[in-house]
Amino acid sequence: MRSRYSAFAVGDTAYLLRSWHSSTRPRRLDLDPGQHWTGLEIVDTDRGGLFDATGSVEFRAHHRAGGQPGTQTERSRFVREDGRWVYLDALPD
């Protein structure tokens, strides 16, 4: 999760696509150049340990866009694909 947040913060779309599960990965990713990520809070985790195949992370990602602060809150699901942790999707609220 932290590496994907960092990739969003620096605009590394190649990493974001590589770390996205093949079944849910978009063909391309266009990031908003006016959105600047300012902080990440991990709220909760479930599984995702050394011997797990799945896990989830609830987070708050803070940003500024157009001079206004904002927060994205999500519970993301991660799974192992070819031995690597990848982002699968967001769980509904």
Protein backbone atom coordinates (compact mmCIF):
# COMPACT_ATOMS: atom_id res chain seq x y z
CA MET A 1 0.00 0.00 0.00
CA ARG A 2 2.71 2.46 0.95
CA SER A 3 4.60 1.86 -2.28
CA ARG A 4 1.47 2.51 -4.34
CA TYR A 5 0.78 5.72 -2.40
CA SER A 6 4.35 6.82 -3.10
CA ALA A 7 3.88 6.03 -6.78
CA PHE A 8 0.75 8.19 -6.86
CA ALA A 9 2.66 10.97 -5.09
CA VAL A 10 5.49 11.01 -7.66
CA GLY A 11 3.34 10.17 -10.70
CA ASP A 12 4.85 6.74 -11.40
CA THR A 13 2.03 5.27 -13.50
CA ALA A 14 4.24 2.41 -14.75
CA TYR A 15 4.67 1.13 -11.18
CA LEU A 16 0.98 1.58 -10.42
CA LEU A 17 0.02 -0.52 -13.44
CA ARG A 18 2.64 -3.19 -12.63
CA SER A 19 1.35 -3.46 -9.07
CA TRP A 20 -2.30 -3.84 -10.17
CA HIS A 21 -3.89 -7.30 -10.53
CA SER A 22 -4.13 -8.42 -14.14
CA SER A 23 -7.90 -8.99 -13.91
CA THR A 24 -8.72 -5.44 -12.75
CA ARG A 25 -5.82 -3.39 -14.17
CA PRO A 26 -6.87 -0.60 -16.54
CA ARG A 27 -5.20 -0.36 -19.94
CA ARG A 28 -3.85 3.07 -19.04
CA LEU A 29 -3.83 5.42 -16.12
CA ASP A 30 -4.00 9.20 -16.33
CA LEU A 31 -3.17 10.98 -13.08
CA ASP A 32 -4.36 14.50 -12.32
CA PRO A 33 -1.23 16.71 -12.41
CA GLY A 34 -3.00 19.27 -10.22
CA GLN A 35 -3.49 16.79 -7.39
CA HIS A 36 -0.64 16.70 -4.87
CA TRP A 37 -0.59 13.90 -2.31
CA THR A 38 0.39 15.13 1.14
CA GLY A 39 0.10 12.19 3.54
CA LEU A 40 -0.99 8.63 4.15
CA GLU A 41 -2.62 7.15 7.24
CA ILE A 42 -3.03 3.39 7.56
CA VAL A 43 -6.26 2.94 9.56
CA ASP A 44 -6.52 -0.86 9.66
CA THR A 45 -5.13 -4.01 8.08
CA ASP A 46 -6.53 -7.52 7.81
CA ARG A 47 -4.30 -10.45 6.92
CA GLY A 48 -1.65 -9.83 4.27
CA GLY A 49 1.11 -11.53 6.22
CA LEU A 50 3.95 -13.73 5.06
CA PHE A 51 1.80 -16.86 4.68
CA ASP A 52 -1.42 -15.17 3.46
CA ALA A 53 -2.66 -15.05 -0.13
CA THR A 54 -4.98 -12.09 0.45
CA GLY A 55 -5.16 -9.03 2.63
CA SER A 56 -6.81 -5.66 2.94
CA VAL A 57 -5.72 -2.20 4.02
CA GLU A 58 -7.97 0.64 5.08
CA PHE A 59 -6.33 4.00 4.56
CA ARG A 60 -6.79 7.75 4.35
CA ALA A 61 -4.73 9.49 1.67
CA HIS A 62 -4.58 13.26 1.96
CA HIS A 63 -4.12 15.57 -1.01
CA ARG A 64 -4.46 19.11 -2.26
CA ALA A 65 -6.14 19.98 -5.56
CA GLY A 66 -6.82 23.50 -6.73
CA GLY A 67 -5.51 24.77 -3.42
CA GLN A 68 -8.16 22.81 -1.50
CA PRO A 69 -7.43 19.90 0.85
CA GLY A 70 -9.08 16.55 0.30
CA THR A 71 -9.01 13.01 1.60
CA GLN A 72 -9.54 9.69 -0.10
CA THR A 73 -10.64 6.90 2.23
CA GLU A 74 -10.69 3.32 1.00
CA ARG A 75 -10.38 -0.31 2.04
CA SER A 76 -8.23 -1.88 -0.64
CA ARG A 77 -7.93 -5.60 -1.32
CA PHE A 78 -4.56 -7.07 -2.23
CA VAL A 79 -3.74 -10.57 -3.46
CA ARG A 80 -0.63 -12.43 -4.45
CA GLU A 81 -0.13 -12.80 -8.18
CA ASP A 82 2.97 -14.63 -9.37
CA GLY A 83 4.32 -14.39 -5.81
CA ARG A 84 3.94 -10.57 -5.57
CA TRP A 85 1.40 -8.50 -3.69
CA VAL A 86 -0.80 -6.57 -6.12
CA TYR A 87 -3.81 -4.31 -5.75
CA LEU A 88 -7.06 -6.07 -6.67
CA ASP A 89 -9.84 -3.56 -5.96
CA ALA A 90 -11.57 -1.40 -3.38
CA LEU A 91 -14.18 -2.89 -1.10
CA PRO A 92 -17.55 -1.12 -1.14
CA ASP A 93 -18.45 1.06 1.85
